[in-house]
Amino acid sequence: METPTFSDPSNFRSAHSVLVVDDNPAMKYSVARNLRAVGYRTVEASGGAEALELSEFVSAVVIDVHLPDLDGFEVCRLLRARRSTAQLPVIHFSSISIDGFDARAAAECGADGFLAAPVDTAELTSTLDRLLARRVQADAIVVAVDDGTPPGDRSGSGVQSVVDQMTLGEKAPGS
């Protein structure tokens, strides 16, 4: 599947929040600042437990491998195990990578990418753009369930029906 393109990267990026996780304040600040400079909104966390709490509210996670409470690999495994975050793009980074071990471990736990620190902003940006564009496209495919309406002739009623069906189980009892 080809990655979709977007005509206005800053508009696309401003619609997404990226969680930056690192226990090193200077590194966390640097990565978050660089992402904001290219148009992404950012949220910051200093550990794995905090990252798990905040992951429900972001579009992607950029996480250091070595954290004081849970390492980045375990955080990724836990994100993949939760339905609400299973498809969340996760990019690991590390300044202490031994012979590619961290890159292999990142792939094995389900991460979408691995970068060596100091993180190259252009590489991180292009990776996030690609992963988020794929996720937006995949989400659009899930919503555009075939309701028998010819393509190009959708008024939105079929999509609204799907949304209504999806939320029926989420309504409070007695409502």
C-alpha atoms as a PDB file:
ATOM      1  CA  MET A   1       0.000   0.000   0.000  1.00  0.00           C
ATOM      2  CA  GLU A   2       1.387   3.364  -0.996  1.00  0.00           C
ATOM      3  CA  THR A   3       1.797   5.999   1.688  1.00  0.00           C
ATOM      4  CA  PRO A   4      -0.657   8.845   1.136  1.00  0.00           C
ATOM      5  CA  THR A   5       0.700  12.284   0.403  1.00  0.00           C
ATOM      6  CA  PHE A   6      -0.474  15.539   1.924  1.00  0.00           C
ATOM      7  CA  SER A   7      -0.246  18.966   0.378  1.00  0.00           C
ATOM      8  CA  ASP A   8       0.272  20.917   3.605  1.00  0.00           C
ATOM      9  CA  PRO A   9       2.617  19.083   6.016  1.00  0.00           C
ATOM     10  CA  SER A  10       2.261  21.698   8.775  1.00  0.00           C
ATOM     11  CA  ASN A  11      -1.535  21.365   8.701  1.00  0.00           C
ATOM     12  CA  PHE A  12      -1.253  17.553   8.781  1.00  0.00           C
ATOM     13  CA  ARG A  13       1.276  17.656  11.623  1.00  0.00           C
ATOM     14  CA  SER A  14      -0.684  20.142  13.730  1.00  0.00           C
ATOM     15  CA  ALA A  15      -3.536  17.627  13.851  1.00  0.00           C
ATOM     16  CA  HIS A  16      -1.286  15.129  15.674  1.00  0.00           C
ATOM     17  CA  SER A  17       0.217  15.000  19.158  1.00  0.00           C
ATOM     18  CA  VAL A  18       3.418  13.063  19.727  1.00  0.00           C
ATOM     19  CA  LEU A  19       4.324  11.705  23.160  1.00  0.00           C
ATOM     20  CA  VAL A  20       8.060  12.158  23.785  1.00  0.00           C
ATOM     21  CA  VAL A  21       9.346   9.895  26.575  1.00  0.00           C
ATOM     22  CA  ASP A  22      12.809  10.206  28.080  1.00  0.00           C
ATOM     23  CA  ASP A  23      14.155  10.417  31.626  1.00  0.00           C
ATOM     24  CA  ASN A  24      16.928  12.749  30.408  1.00  0.00           C
ATOM     25  CA  PRO A  25      15.347  16.233  30.573  1.00  0.00           C
ATOM     26  CA  ALA A  26      17.713  17.737  27.999  1.00  0.00           C
ATOM     27  CA  MET A  27      17.093  14.985  25.434  1.00  0.00           C
ATOM     28  CA  LYS A  28      13.336  15.058  26.033  1.00  0.00           C
ATOM     29  CA  TYR A  29      13.288  18.837  25.641  1.00  0.00           C
ATOM     30  CA  SER A  30      15.377  18.705  22.465  1.00  0.00           C
ATOM     31  CA  VAL A  31      13.258  16.058  20.720  1.00  0.00           C
ATOM     32  CA  ALA A  32       9.961  17.732  21.741  1.00  0.00           C
ATOM     33  CA  ARG A  33      11.206  21.175  20.719  1.00  0.00           C
ATOM     34  CA  ASN A  34      12.314  19.918  17.310  1.00  0.00           C
ATOM     35  CA  LEU A  35       8.973  18.201  16.723  1.00  0.00           C
ATOM     36  CA  ARG A  36       7.095  21.384  17.655  1.00  0.00           C
ATOM     37  CA  ALA A  37       9.327  23.340  15.261  1.00  0.00           C
ATOM     38  CA  VAL A  38       8.111  21.198  12.340  1.00  0.00           C
ATOM     39  CA  GLY A  39       4.475  21.511  13.386  1.00  0.00           C
ATOM     40  CA  TYR A  40       3.666  18.590  15.668  1.00  0.00           C
ATOM     41  CA  ARG A  41       2.038  19.117  19.052  1.00  0.00           C
ATOM     42  CA  THR A  42       3.915  17.331  21.831  1.00  0.00           C
ATOM     43  CA  VAL A  43       3.255  15.799  25.217  1.00  0.00           C
ATOM     44  CA  GLU A  44       6.169  14.818  27.450  1.00  0.00           C
ATOM     45  CA  ALA A  45       6.734  12.013  29.952  1.00  0.00           C
ATOM     46  CA  SER A  46       9.763  10.954  31.999  1.00  0.00           C
ATOM     47  CA  GLY A  47       9.023   7.259  32.485  1.00  0.00           C
ATOM     48  CA  GLY A  48       7.250   4.211  31.148  1.00  0.00           C
ATOM     49  CA  ALA A  49       4.312   4.236  33.567  1.00  0.00           C
ATOM     50  CA  GLU A  50       3.574   7.869  32.767  1.00  0.00           C
ATOM     51  CA  ALA A  51       3.860   7.062  29.044  1.00  0.00           C
ATOM     52  CA  LEU A  52       1.260   4.301  29.382  1.00  0.00           C
ATOM     53  CA  GLU A  53      -1.145   6.730  31.058  1.00  0.00           C
ATOM     54  CA  LEU A  54      -0.685   9.437  28.413  1.00  0.00           C
ATOM     55  CA  SER A  55      -0.627   7.136  25.377  1.00  0.00           C
ATOM     56  CA  GLU A  56      -4.424   7.147  25.135  1.00  0.00           C
ATOM     57  CA  PHE A  57      -4.348  10.836  24.176  1.00  0.00           C
ATOM     58  CA  VAL A  58      -1.693  10.984  21.448  1.00  0.00           C
ATOM     59  CA  SER A  59      -1.192  10.002  17.811  1.00  0.00           C
ATOM     60  CA  ALA A  60       2.318   8.518  18.183  1.00  0.00           C
ATOM     61  CA  VAL A  61       5.014   7.753  20.760  1.00  0.00           C
ATOM     62  CA  VAL A  62       8.739   8.529  20.517  1.00  0.00           C
ATOM     63  CA  ILE A  63      10.366   6.737  23.435  1.00  0.00           C
ATOM     64  CA  ASP A  64      13.835   6.196  24.845  1.00  0.00           C
ATOM     65  CA  VAL A  65      14.758   2.552  25.283  1.00  0.00           C
ATOM     66  CA  HIS A  66      16.348   3.014  28.711  1.00  0.00           C
ATOM     67  CA  LEU A  67      13.914   4.398  31.308  1.00  0.00           C
ATOM     68  CA  PRO A  68      14.069   4.128  35.105  1.00  0.00           C
ATOM     69  CA  ASP A  69      10.791   2.266  35.714  1.00  0.00           C
ATOM     70  CA  LEU A  70       9.799   0.290  32.595  1.00  0.00           C
ATOM     71  CA  ASP A  71      12.103   0.074  29.626  1.00  0.00           C
ATOM     72  CA  GLY A  72      10.855   1.276  26.251  1.00  0.00           C
ATOM     73  CA  PHE A  73      10.526  -2.290  24.961  1.00  0.00           C
ATOM     74  CA  GLU A  74       8.150  -3.262  27.770  1.00  0.00           C
ATOM     75  CA  VAL A  75       6.135  -0.080  27.240  1.00  0.00           C
ATOM     76  CA  CYS A  76       5.800  -0.986  23.561  1.00  0.00           C
ATOM     77  CA  ARG A  77       4.681  -4.556  24.380  1.00  0.00           C
ATOM     78  CA  LEU A  78       2.065  -3.188  26.788  1.00  0.00           C
ATOM     79  CA  LEU A  79       0.852  -0.654  24.205  1.00  0.00           C
ATOM     80  CA  ARG A  80       0.513  -3.416  21.608  1.00  0.00           C
ATOM     81  CA  ALA A  81      -1.467  -5.550  24.078  1.00  0.00           C
ATOM     82  CA  ARG A  82      -4.105  -2.844  24.671  1.00  0.00           C
ATOM     83  CA  ARG A  83      -6.827  -2.566  22.065  1.00  0.00           C
ATOM     84  CA  SER A  84      -6.904   1.232  22.264  1.00  0.00           C
ATOM     85  CA  THR A  85      -3.164   1.617  21.575  1.00  0.00           C
ATOM     86  CA  ALA A  86      -2.345  -1.519  19.569  1.00  0.00           C
ATOM     87  CA  GLN A  87      -1.968   0.456  16.317  1.00  0.00           C
ATOM     88  CA  LEU A  88      -0.273   3.496  17.851  1.00  0.00           C
ATOM     89  CA  PRO A  89       2.979   4.271  15.987  1.00  0.00           C
ATOM     90  CA  VAL A  90       5.957   3.741  18.320  1.00  0.00           C
ATOM     91  CA  ILE A  91       9.502   4.853  17.551  1.00  0.00           C
ATOM     92  CA  HIS A  92      12.313   3.901  19.930  1.00  0.00           C
ATOM     93  CA  PHE A  93      15.559   5.798  20.291  1.00  0.00           C
ATOM     94  CA  SER A  94      18.716   5.188  22.267  1.00  0.00           C
ATOM     95  CA  SER A  95      22.132   6.703  22.699  1.00  0.00           C
ATOM     96  CA  ILE A  96      23.409   3.429  24.177  1.00  0.00           C
ATOM     97  CA  SER A  97      22.939   0.848  21.422  1.00  0.00           C
ATOM     98  CA  ILE A  98      25.179  -2.204  21.524  1.00  0.00           C
ATOM     99  CA  ASP A  99      25.808  -3.766  18.087  1.00  0.00           C
ATOM    100  CA  GLY A 100      22.232  -3.260  16.920  1.00  0.00           C
ATOM    101  CA  PHE A 101      20.760  -5.148  19.900  1.00  0.00           C
ATOM    102  CA  ASP A 102      18.333  -2.321  20.701  1.00  0.00           C
ATOM    103  CA  ALA A 103      17.167  -2.045  17.079  1.00  0.00           C
ATOM    104  CA  ARG A 104      16.439  -5.800  16.948  1.00  0.00           C
ATOM    105  CA  ALA A 105      14.712  -5.715  20.327  1.00  0.00           C
ATOM    106  CA  ALA A 106      12.598  -2.751  19.190  1.00  0.00           C
ATOM    107  CA  ALA A 107      11.422  -4.687  16.135  1.00  0.00           C
ATOM    108  CA  GLU A 108      10.708  -7.786  18.224  1.00  0.00           C
ATOM    109  CA  CYS A 109       8.479  -5.895  20.679  1.00  0.00           C
ATOM    110  CA  GLY A 110       6.453  -4.346  17.851  1.00  0.00           C
ATOM    111  CA  ALA A 111       7.991  -0.895  17.460  1.00  0.00           C
ATOM    112  CA  ASP A 112       7.605   0.812  14.107  1.00  0.00           C
ATOM    113  CA  GLY A 113      11.090   2.291  14.097  1.00  0.00           C
ATOM    114  CA  PHE A 114      14.386   2.740  15.880  1.00  0.00           C
ATOM    115  CA  LEU A 115      16.678   5.768  15.779  1.00  0.00           C
ATOM    116  CA  ALA A 116      20.079   6.355  17.335  1.00  0.00           C
ATOM    117  CA  ALA A 117      20.401   9.406  19.581  1.00  0.00           C
ATOM    118  CA  PRO A 118      21.049  12.185  19.105  1.00  0.00           C
ATOM    119  CA  VAL A 119      17.880  11.954  17.044  1.00  0.00           C
ATOM    120  CA  ASP A 120      18.088  13.428  13.550  1.00  0.00           C
ATOM    121  CA  THR A 121      15.036  15.716  13.254  1.00  0.00           C
ATOM    122  CA  ALA A 122      14.603  15.213   9.507  1.00  0.00           C
ATOM    123  CA  GLU A 123      14.681  11.417   9.867  1.00  0.00           C
ATOM    124  CA  LEU A 124      12.293  11.466  12.838  1.00  0.00           C
ATOM    125  CA  THR A 125       9.925  13.841  11.034  1.00  0.00           C
ATOM    126  CA  SER A 126       9.829  11.797   7.841  1.00  0.00           C
ATOM    127  CA  THR A 127       9.299   8.593   9.838  1.00  0.00           C
ATOM    128  CA  LEU A 128       6.442  10.133  11.830  1.00  0.00           C
ATOM    129  CA  ASP A 129       4.882  11.633   8.690  1.00  0.00           C
ATOM    130  CA  ARG A 130       4.946   8.247   6.965  1.00  0.00           C
ATOM    131  CA  LEU A 131       3.618   6.264   9.948  1.00  0.00           C
ATOM    132  CA  LEU A 132       0.868   8.748  10.761  1.00  0.00           C
ATOM    133  CA  ALA A 133      -0.223   9.055   7.123  1.00  0.00           C
ATOM    134  CA  ARG A 134      -0.538   5.254   6.977  1.00  0.00           C
ATOM    135  CA  ARG A 135      -2.519   5.227  10.205  1.00  0.00           C
ATOM    136  CA  VAL A 136      -4.875   7.956   8.950  1.00  0.00           C
ATOM    137  CA  GLN A 137      -5.382   5.980   5.752  1.00  0.00           C
ATOM    138  CA  ALA A 138      -6.004   2.730   7.661  1.00  0.00           C
ATOM    139  CA  ASP A 139      -8.474   4.458   9.986  1.00  0.00           C
ATOM    140  CA  ALA A 140     -10.340   5.854   6.960  1.00  0.00           C
ATOM    141  CA  ILE A 141     -10.594   2.368   5.467  1.00  0.00           C
ATOM    142  CA  VAL A 142     -12.025   0.975   8.709  1.00  0.00           C
ATOM    143  CA  VAL A 143     -14.659   3.727   8.873  1.00  0.00           C
ATOM    144  CA  ALA A 144     -15.620   3.469   5.204  1.00  0.00           C
ATOM    145  CA  VAL A 145     -17.352   0.116   5.653  1.00  0.00           C
ATOM    146  CA  ASP A 146     -19.075  -1.104   2.499  1.00  0.00           C
ATOM    147  CA  ASP A 147     -22.727  -0.214   2.974  1.00  0.00           C
ATOM    148  CA  GLY A 148     -23.711  -0.850  -0.632  1.00  0.00           C
ATOM    149  CA  THR A 149     -23.419   2.802  -1.619  1.00  0.00           C
ATOM    150  CA  PRO A 150     -21.359   3.308  -4.777  1.00  0.00           C
ATOM    151  CA  PRO A 151     -17.976   4.945  -4.126  1.00  0.00           C
ATOM    152  CA  GLY A 152     -18.120   8.700  -4.622  1.00  0.00           C
ATOM    153  CA  ASP A 153     -21.836   8.750  -3.788  1.00  0.00           C
ATOM    154  CA  ARG A 154     -21.571   8.643  -0.018  1.00  0.00           C
ATOM    155  CA  SER A 155     -23.579  11.240   1.832  1.00  0.00           C
ATOM    156  CA  GLY A 156     -22.157  10.205   5.160  1.00  0.00           C
ATOM    157  CA  SER A 157     -25.248   8.303   6.274  1.00  0.00           C
ATOM    158  CA  GLY A 158     -23.491   4.931   5.941  1.00  0.00           C
ATOM    159  CA  VAL A 159     -20.551   6.132   7.979  1.00  0.00           C
ATOM    160  CA  GLN A 160     -22.887   7.586  10.610  1.00  0.00           C
ATOM    161  CA  SER A 161     -24.644   4.220  10.794  1.00  0.00           C
ATOM    162  CA  VAL A 162     -21.314   2.482  11.408  1.00  0.00           C
ATOM    163  CA  VAL A 163     -20.415   5.021  14.105  1.00  0.00           C
ATOM    164  CA  ASP A 164     -23.841   4.516  15.727  1.00  0.00           C
ATOM    165  CA  GLN A 165     -23.362   0.735  15.710  1.00  0.00           C
ATOM    166  CA  MET A 166     -19.864   1.050  17.163  1.00  0.00           C
ATOM    167  CA  THR A 167     -21.045   3.223  20.027  1.00  0.00           C
ATOM    168  CA  LEU A 168     -24.142   1.199  20.965  1.00  0.00           C
ATOM    169  CA  GLY A 169     -22.133  -0.965  23.348  1.00  0.00           C
ATOM    170  CA  GLU A 170     -20.511   2.103  24.886  1.00  0.00           C
ATOM    171  CA  LYS A 171     -23.730   3.805  26.003  1.00  0.00           C
ATOM    172  CA  ALA A 172     -24.497   3.905  29.698  1.00  0.00           C
ATOM    173  CA  PRO A 173     -27.179   1.484  30.973  1.00  0.00           C
ATOM    174  CA  GLY A 174     -30.656   2.986  30.877  1.00  0.00           C
ATOM    175  CA  SER A 175     -29.787   5.528  28.185  1.00  0.00           C
END
